[in-house]
Amino acid sequence: MTFKYSVTLPISGSHKLQRFTDWANQNLPGLAYVLPPQTPIKTETMTIRLKSLEDRAKILTTISKSPLA
């Protein structure tokens, strides 16, 4: 299956990939996503690839209730 949908989230600082992975495992277990191979520390956003629009809605709803650290 392809990951043809995306969501761009505000996230700053270091270890963005690990922080998002930890957050997703805790708040949205079983969610299928693809992260970029790396993100520069200076960037303030990160784009995550998703399989469906429903997954995008889940992330946006959950992140509003439980923001990324």
PDB file of N, CA and C in Angstrom:
ATOM      1  N   MET A   1       0.838  -1.170   0.000  1.00  0.00           N
ATOM      2  CA  MET A   1       0.000   0.000   0.000  1.00  0.00           C
ATOM      3  C   MET A   1       0.886   1.238   0.000  1.00  0.00           C
ATOM      4  N   THR A   2       0.446   2.284  -0.664  1.00  0.00           N
ATOM      5  CA  THR A   2       1.257   3.492  -0.743  1.00  0.00           C
ATOM      6  C   THR A   2       0.824   4.513   0.297  1.00  0.00           C
ATOM      7  N   PHE A   3       1.737   5.367   0.609  1.00  0.00           N
ATOM      8  CA  PHE A   3       1.497   6.442   1.563  1.00  0.00           C
ATOM      9  C   PHE A   3       1.322   7.724   0.758  1.00  0.00           C
ATOM     10  N   LYS A   4       0.118   7.969   0.248  1.00  0.00           N
ATOM     11  CA  LYS A   4      -0.086   9.086  -0.665  1.00  0.00           C
ATOM     12  C   LYS A   4      -0.676  10.323  -0.004  1.00  0.00           C
ATOM     13  N   TYR A   5      -0.911  10.286   1.284  1.00  0.00           N
ATOM     14  CA  TYR A   5      -1.424  11.447   2.007  1.00  0.00           C
ATOM     15  C   TYR A   5      -0.345  11.934   2.961  1.00  0.00           C
ATOM     16  N   SER A   6      -0.448  13.180   3.369  1.00  0.00           N
ATOM     17  CA  SER A   6       0.562  13.712   4.278  1.00  0.00           C
ATOM     18  C   SER A   6      -0.056  14.724   5.231  1.00  0.00           C
ATOM     19  N   VAL A   7       0.673  14.965   6.290  1.00  0.00           N
ATOM     20  CA  VAL A   7       0.327  16.015   7.240  1.00  0.00           C
ATOM     21  C   VAL A   7       1.642  16.656   7.676  1.00  0.00           C
ATOM     22  N   THR A   8       1.645  17.979   7.755  1.00  0.00           N
ATOM     23  CA  THR A   8       2.823  18.709   8.207  1.00  0.00           C
ATOM     24  C   THR A   8       2.536  19.240   9.600  1.00  0.00           C
ATOM     25  N   LEU A   9       3.390  18.865  10.532  1.00  0.00           N
ATOM     26  CA  LEU A   9       3.183  19.220  11.932  1.00  0.00           C
ATOM     27  C   LEU A   9       4.261  20.176  12.417  1.00  0.00           C
ATOM     28  N   PRO A  10       3.890  21.091  13.311  1.00  0.00           N
ATOM     29  CA  PRO A  10       4.904  21.951  13.915  1.00  0.00           C
ATOM     30  C   PRO A  10       5.676  21.166  14.976  1.00  0.00           C
ATOM     31  N   ILE A  11       6.968  21.131  14.826  1.00  0.00           N
ATOM     32  CA  ILE A  11       7.831  20.462  15.808  1.00  0.00           C
ATOM     33  C   ILE A  11       9.221  21.071  15.669  1.00  0.00           C
ATOM     34  N   SER A  12       9.780  21.514  16.768  1.00  0.00           N
ATOM     35  CA  SER A  12      11.100  22.131  16.705  1.00  0.00           C
ATOM     36  C   SER A  12      12.039  21.424  17.668  1.00  0.00           C
ATOM     37  N   GLY A  13      13.310  21.726  17.516  1.00  0.00           N
ATOM     38  CA  GLY A  13      14.315  21.119  18.377  1.00  0.00           C
ATOM     39  C   GLY A  13      14.935  19.884  17.760  1.00  0.00           C
ATOM     40  N   SER A  14      15.677  19.186  18.569  1.00  0.00           N
ATOM     41  CA  SER A  14      16.379  17.999  18.081  1.00  0.00           C
ATOM     42  C   SER A  14      15.549  16.741  18.318  1.00  0.00           C
ATOM     43  N   HIS A  15      15.969  15.665  17.709  1.00  0.00           N
ATOM     44  CA  HIS A  15      15.353  14.338  17.870  1.00  0.00           C
ATOM     45  C   HIS A  15      13.872  14.320  17.491  1.00  0.00           C
ATOM     46  N   LYS A  16      13.517  15.041  16.416  1.00  0.00           N
ATOM     47  CA  LYS A  16      12.124  15.111  15.968  1.00  0.00           C
ATOM     48  C   LYS A  16      11.565  13.742  15.612  1.00  0.00           C
ATOM     49  N   LEU A  17      12.352  12.954  14.896  1.00  0.00           N
ATOM     50  CA  LEU A  17      11.866  11.646  14.451  1.00  0.00           C
ATOM     51  C   LEU A  17      11.572  10.738  15.642  1.00  0.00           C
ATOM     52  N   GLN A  18      12.474  10.683  16.592  1.00  0.00           N
ATOM     53  CA  GLN A  18      12.272   9.835  17.769  1.00  0.00           C
ATOM     54  C   GLN A  18      11.119  10.345  18.622  1.00  0.00           C
ATOM     55  N   ARG A  19      11.016  11.659  18.781  1.00  0.00           N
ATOM     56  CA  ARG A  19       9.926  12.212  19.588  1.00  0.00           C
ATOM     57  C   ARG A  19       8.574  11.926  18.952  1.00  0.00           C
ATOM     58  N   PHE A  20       8.478  12.060  17.614  1.00  0.00           N
ATOM     59  CA  PHE A  20       7.210  11.750  16.958  1.00  0.00           C
ATOM     60  C   PHE A  20       6.896  10.264  17.081  1.00  0.00           C
ATOM     61  N   THR A  21       7.877   9.415  16.869  1.00  0.00           N
ATOM     62  CA  THR A  21       7.662   7.966  16.971  1.00  0.00           C
ATOM     63  C   THR A  21       7.169   7.585  18.365  1.00  0.00           C
ATOM     64  N   ASP A  22       7.799   8.127  19.393  1.00  0.00           N
ATOM     65  CA  ASP A  22       7.371   7.843  20.768  1.00  0.00           C
ATOM     66  C   ASP A  22       5.942   8.330  21.005  1.00  0.00           C
ATOM     67  N   TRP A  23       5.642   9.546  20.530  1.00  0.00           N
ATOM     68  CA  TRP A  23       4.298  10.114  20.689  1.00  0.00           C
ATOM     69  C   TRP A  23       3.262   9.259  19.963  1.00  0.00           C
ATOM     70  N   ALA A  24       3.548   8.864  18.730  1.00  0.00           N
ATOM     71  CA  ALA A  24       2.608   8.061  17.944  1.00  0.00           C
ATOM     72  C   ALA A  24       2.388   6.693  18.582  1.00  0.00           C
ATOM     73  N   ASN A  25       3.447   6.069  19.078  1.00  0.00           N
ATOM     74  CA  ASN A  25       3.301   4.765  19.731  1.00  0.00           C
ATOM     75  C   ASN A  25       2.441   4.857  20.989  1.00  0.00           C
ATOM     76  N   GLN A  26       2.566   5.960  21.704  1.00  0.00           N
ATOM     77  CA  GLN A  26       1.804   6.139  22.933  1.00  0.00           C
ATOM     78  C   GLN A  26       0.354   6.533  22.650  1.00  0.00           C
ATOM     79  N   ASN A  27       0.136   7.432  21.693  1.00  0.00           N
ATOM     80  CA  ASN A  27      -1.193   7.996  21.464  1.00  0.00           C
ATOM     81  C   ASN A  27      -1.976   7.356  20.327  1.00  0.00           C
ATOM     82  N   LEU A  28      -1.291   6.803  19.343  1.00  0.00           N
ATOM     83  CA  LEU A  28      -1.950   6.206  18.176  1.00  0.00           C
ATOM     84  C   LEU A  28      -1.294   4.874  17.822  1.00  0.00           C
ATOM     85  N   PRO A  29      -1.353   3.898  18.708  1.00  0.00           N
ATOM     86  CA  PRO A  29      -0.712   2.615  18.395  1.00  0.00           C
ATOM     87  C   PRO A  29      -1.337   1.978  17.158  1.00  0.00           C
ATOM     88  N   GLY A  30      -0.498   1.415  16.325  1.00  0.00           N
ATOM     89  CA  GLY A  30      -0.985   0.756  15.114  1.00  0.00           C
ATOM     90  C   GLY A  30      -1.107   1.663  13.907  1.00  0.00           C
ATOM     91  N   LEU A  31      -0.862   2.955  14.070  1.00  0.00           N
ATOM     92  CA  LEU A  31      -0.934   3.886  12.944  1.00  0.00           C
ATOM     93  C   LEU A  31       0.230   3.627  11.991  1.00  0.00           C
ATOM     94  N   ALA A  32      -0.077   3.512  10.708  1.00  0.00           N
ATOM     95  CA  ALA A  32       0.967   3.308   9.692  1.00  0.00           C
ATOM     96  C   ALA A  32       1.367   4.668   9.128  1.00  0.00           C
ATOM     97  N   TYR A  33       2.665   4.963   9.159  1.00  0.00           N
ATOM     98  CA  TYR A  33       3.168   6.239   8.654  1.00  0.00           C
ATOM     99  C   TYR A  33       4.605   6.061   8.190  1.00  0.00           C
ATOM    100  N   VAL A  34       5.074   7.044   7.421  1.00  0.00           N
ATOM    101  CA  VAL A  34       6.465   7.063   6.977  1.00  0.00           C
ATOM    102  C   VAL A  34       7.031   8.432   7.322  1.00  0.00           C
ATOM    103  N   LEU A  35       8.162   8.421   8.015  1.00  0.00           N
ATOM    104  CA  LEU A  35       8.843   9.659   8.376  1.00  0.00           C
ATOM    105  C   LEU A  35       9.942   9.954   7.370  1.00  0.00           C
ATOM    106  N   PRO A  36      10.353  11.222   7.277  1.00  0.00           N
ATOM    107  CA  PRO A  36      11.493  11.528   6.412  1.00  0.00           C
ATOM    108  C   PRO A  36      12.751  10.862   6.963  1.00  0.00           C
ATOM    109  N   PRO A  37      13.752  10.616   6.107  1.00  0.00           N
ATOM    110  CA  PRO A  37      14.973   9.957   6.588  1.00  0.00           C
ATOM    111  C   PRO A  37      15.706  10.761   7.657  1.00  0.00           C
ATOM    112  N   GLN A  38      15.614  12.075   7.572  1.00  0.00           N
ATOM    113  CA  GLN A  38      16.237  12.939   8.572  1.00  0.00           C
ATOM    114  C   GLN A  38      15.592  14.314   8.510  1.00  0.00           C
ATOM    115  N   THR A  39      15.745  15.088   9.584  1.00  0.00           N
ATOM    116  CA  THR A  39      15.249  16.462   9.601  1.00  0.00           C
ATOM    117  C   THR A  39      16.308  17.346  10.238  1.00  0.00           C
ATOM    118  N   PRO A  40      16.633  18.458   9.614  1.00  0.00           N
ATOM    119  CA  PRO A  40      17.606  19.373  10.209  1.00  0.00           C
ATOM    120  C   PRO A  40      17.073  19.955  11.525  1.00  0.00           C
ATOM    121  N   ILE A  41      17.956  20.217  12.455  1.00  0.00           N
ATOM    122  CA  ILE A  41      17.559  20.768  13.754  1.00  0.00           C
ATOM    123  C   ILE A  41      16.862  22.108  13.584  1.00  0.00           C
ATOM    124  N   LYS A  42      17.273  22.898  12.609  1.00  0.00           N
ATOM    125  CA  LYS A  42      16.729  24.246  12.441  1.00  0.00           C
ATOM    126  C   LYS A  42      15.288  24.276  11.936  1.00  0.00           C
ATOM    127  N   THR A  43      14.812  23.201  11.349  1.00  0.00           N
ATOM    128  CA  THR A  43      13.445  23.221  10.822  1.00  0.00           C
ATOM    129  C   THR A  43      12.433  23.250  11.965  1.00  0.00           C
ATOM    130  N   GLU A  44      11.293  23.856  11.698  1.00  0.00           N
ATOM    131  CA  GLU A  44      10.242  23.985  12.708  1.00  0.00           C
ATOM    132  C   GLU A  44       9.024  23.129  12.385  1.00  0.00           C
ATOM    133  N   THR A  45       9.073  22.383  11.265  1.00  0.00           N
ATOM    134  CA  THR A  45       7.961  21.514  10.873  1.00  0.00           C
ATOM    135  C   THR A  45       8.506  20.179  10.373  1.00  0.00           C
ATOM    136  N   MET A  46       7.609  19.198  10.299  1.00  0.00           N
ATOM    137  CA  MET A  46       7.984  17.894   9.768  1.00  0.00           C
ATOM    138  C   MET A  46       6.766  17.319   9.045  1.00  0.00           C
ATOM    139  N   THR A  47       6.992  16.775   7.856  1.00  0.00           N
ATOM    140  CA  THR A  47       5.914  16.184   7.074  1.00  0.00           C
ATOM    141  C   THR A  47       5.930  14.673   7.237  1.00  0.00           C
ATOM    142  N   ILE A  48       4.780  14.136   7.572  1.00  0.00           N
ATOM    143  CA  ILE A  48       4.618  12.696   7.784  1.00  0.00           C
ATOM    144  C   ILE A  48       3.715  12.158   6.689  1.00  0.00           C
ATOM    145  N   ARG A  49       4.113  11.060   6.071  1.00  0.00           N
ATOM    146  CA  ARG A  49       3.316  10.423   5.013  1.00  0.00           C
ATOM    147  C   ARG A  49       2.368   9.408   5.642  1.00  0.00           C
ATOM    148  N   LEU A  50       1.115   9.395   5.128  1.00  0.00           N
ATOM    149  CA  LEU A  50       0.072   8.537   5.690  1.00  0.00           C
ATOM    150  C   LEU A  50      -0.651   7.769   4.599  1.00  0.00           C
ATOM    151  N   LYS A  51      -1.353   6.712   4.989  1.00  0.00           N
ATOM    152  CA  LYS A  51      -2.075   5.876   4.027  1.00  0.00           C
ATOM    153  C   LYS A  51      -3.455   6.411   3.682  1.00  0.00           C
ATOM    154  N   SER A  52      -4.086   7.160   4.588  1.00  0.00           N
ATOM    155  CA  SER A  52      -5.462   7.585   4.324  1.00  0.00           C
ATOM    156  C   SER A  52      -5.756   8.946   4.946  1.00  0.00           C
ATOM    157  N   LEU A  53      -6.833   9.548   4.469  1.00  0.00           N
ATOM    158  CA  LEU A  53      -7.282  10.809   5.051  1.00  0.00           C
ATOM    159  C   LEU A  53      -7.781  10.605   6.479  1.00  0.00           C
ATOM    160  N   GLU A  54      -8.294   9.423   6.767  1.00  0.00           N
ATOM    161  CA  GLU A  54      -8.747   9.117   8.124  1.00  0.00           C
ATOM    162  C   GLU A  54      -7.568   9.130   9.098  1.00  0.00           C
ATOM    163  N   ASP A  55      -6.419   8.614   8.654  1.00  0.00           N
ATOM    164  CA  ASP A  55      -5.215   8.651   9.494  1.00  0.00           C
ATOM    165  C   ASP A  55      -4.791  10.091   9.759  1.00  0.00           C
ATOM    166  N   ARG A  56      -4.904  10.935   8.741  1.00  0.00           N
ATOM    167  CA  ARG A  56      -4.568  12.355   8.891  1.00  0.00           C
ATOM    168  C   ARG A  56      -5.482  13.002   9.931  1.00  0.00           C
ATOM    169  N   ALA A  57      -6.766  12.719   9.840  1.00  0.00           N
ATOM    170  CA  ALA A  57      -7.726  13.269  10.797  1.00  0.00           C
ATOM    171  C   ALA A  57      -7.430  12.780  12.213  1.00  0.00           C
ATOM    172  N   LYS A  58      -7.060  11.507  12.353  1.00  0.00           N
ATOM    173  CA  LYS A  58      -6.716  10.954  13.668  1.00  0.00           C
ATOM    174  C   LYS A  58      -5.541  11.705  14.279  1.00  0.00           C
ATOM    175  N   ILE A  59      -4.509  11.943  13.470  1.00  0.00           N
ATOM    176  CA  ILE A  59      -3.327  12.649  13.979  1.00  0.00           C
ATOM    177  C   ILE A  59      -3.698  14.061  14.405  1.00  0.00           C
ATOM    178  N   LEU A  60      -4.422  14.783  13.563  1.00  0.00           N
ATOM    179  CA  LEU A  60      -4.767  16.167  13.885  1.00  0.00           C
ATOM    180  C   LEU A  60      -5.653  16.256  15.126  1.00  0.00           C
ATOM    181  N   THR A  61      -6.576  15.338  15.274  1.00  0.00           N
ATOM    182  CA  THR A  61      -7.437  15.327  16.458  1.00  0.00           C
ATOM    183  C   THR A  61      -6.631  14.999  17.711  1.00  0.00           C
ATOM    184  N   THR A  62      -5.787  13.996  17.617  1.00  0.00           N
ATOM    185  CA  THR A  62      -5.015  13.558  18.779  1.00  0.00           C
ATOM    186  C   THR A  62      -3.974  14.590  19.180  1.00  0.00           C
ATOM    187  N   ILE A  63      -3.337  15.220  18.206  1.00  0.00           N
ATOM    188  CA  ILE A  63      -2.288  16.193  18.540  1.00  0.00           C
ATOM    189  C   ILE A  63      -2.874  17.443  19.185  1.00  0.00           C
ATOM    190  N   SER A  64      -4.131  17.752  18.886  1.00  0.00           N
ATOM    191  CA  SER A  64      -4.758  18.902  19.541  1.00  0.00           C
ATOM    192  C   SER A  64      -5.042  18.603  21.016  1.00  0.00           C
ATOM    193  N   LYS A  65      -5.257  17.338  21.349  1.00  0.00           N
ATOM    194  CA  LYS A  65      -5.521  16.940  22.738  1.00  0.00           C
ATOM    195  C   LYS A  65      -4.242  16.616  23.498  1.00  0.00           C
ATOM    196  N   SER A  66      -3.265  16.059  22.796  1.00  0.00           N
ATOM    197  CA  SER A  66      -2.011  15.635  23.419  1.00  0.00           C
ATOM    198  C   SER A  66      -0.848  16.082  22.535  1.00  0.00           C
ATOM    199  N   PRO A  67      -0.389  17.333  22.695  1.00  0.00           N
ATOM    200  CA  PRO A  67       0.656  17.872  21.815  1.00  0.00           C
ATOM    201  C   PRO A  67       1.980  17.120  21.921  1.00  0.00           C
ATOM    202  N   LEU A  68       2.760  17.227  20.855  1.00  0.00           N
ATOM    203  CA  LEU A  68       4.110  16.658  20.861  1.00  0.00           C
ATOM    204  C   LEU A  68       4.957  17.379  21.893  1.00  0.00           C
ATOM    205  N   ALA A  69       5.822  16.654  22.558  1.00  0.00           N
ATOM    206  CA  ALA A  69       6.704  17.257  23.569  1.00  0.00           C
ATOM    207  C   ALA A  69       7.870  17.953  22.918  1.00  0.00           C
TER     208      ALA A  69
END
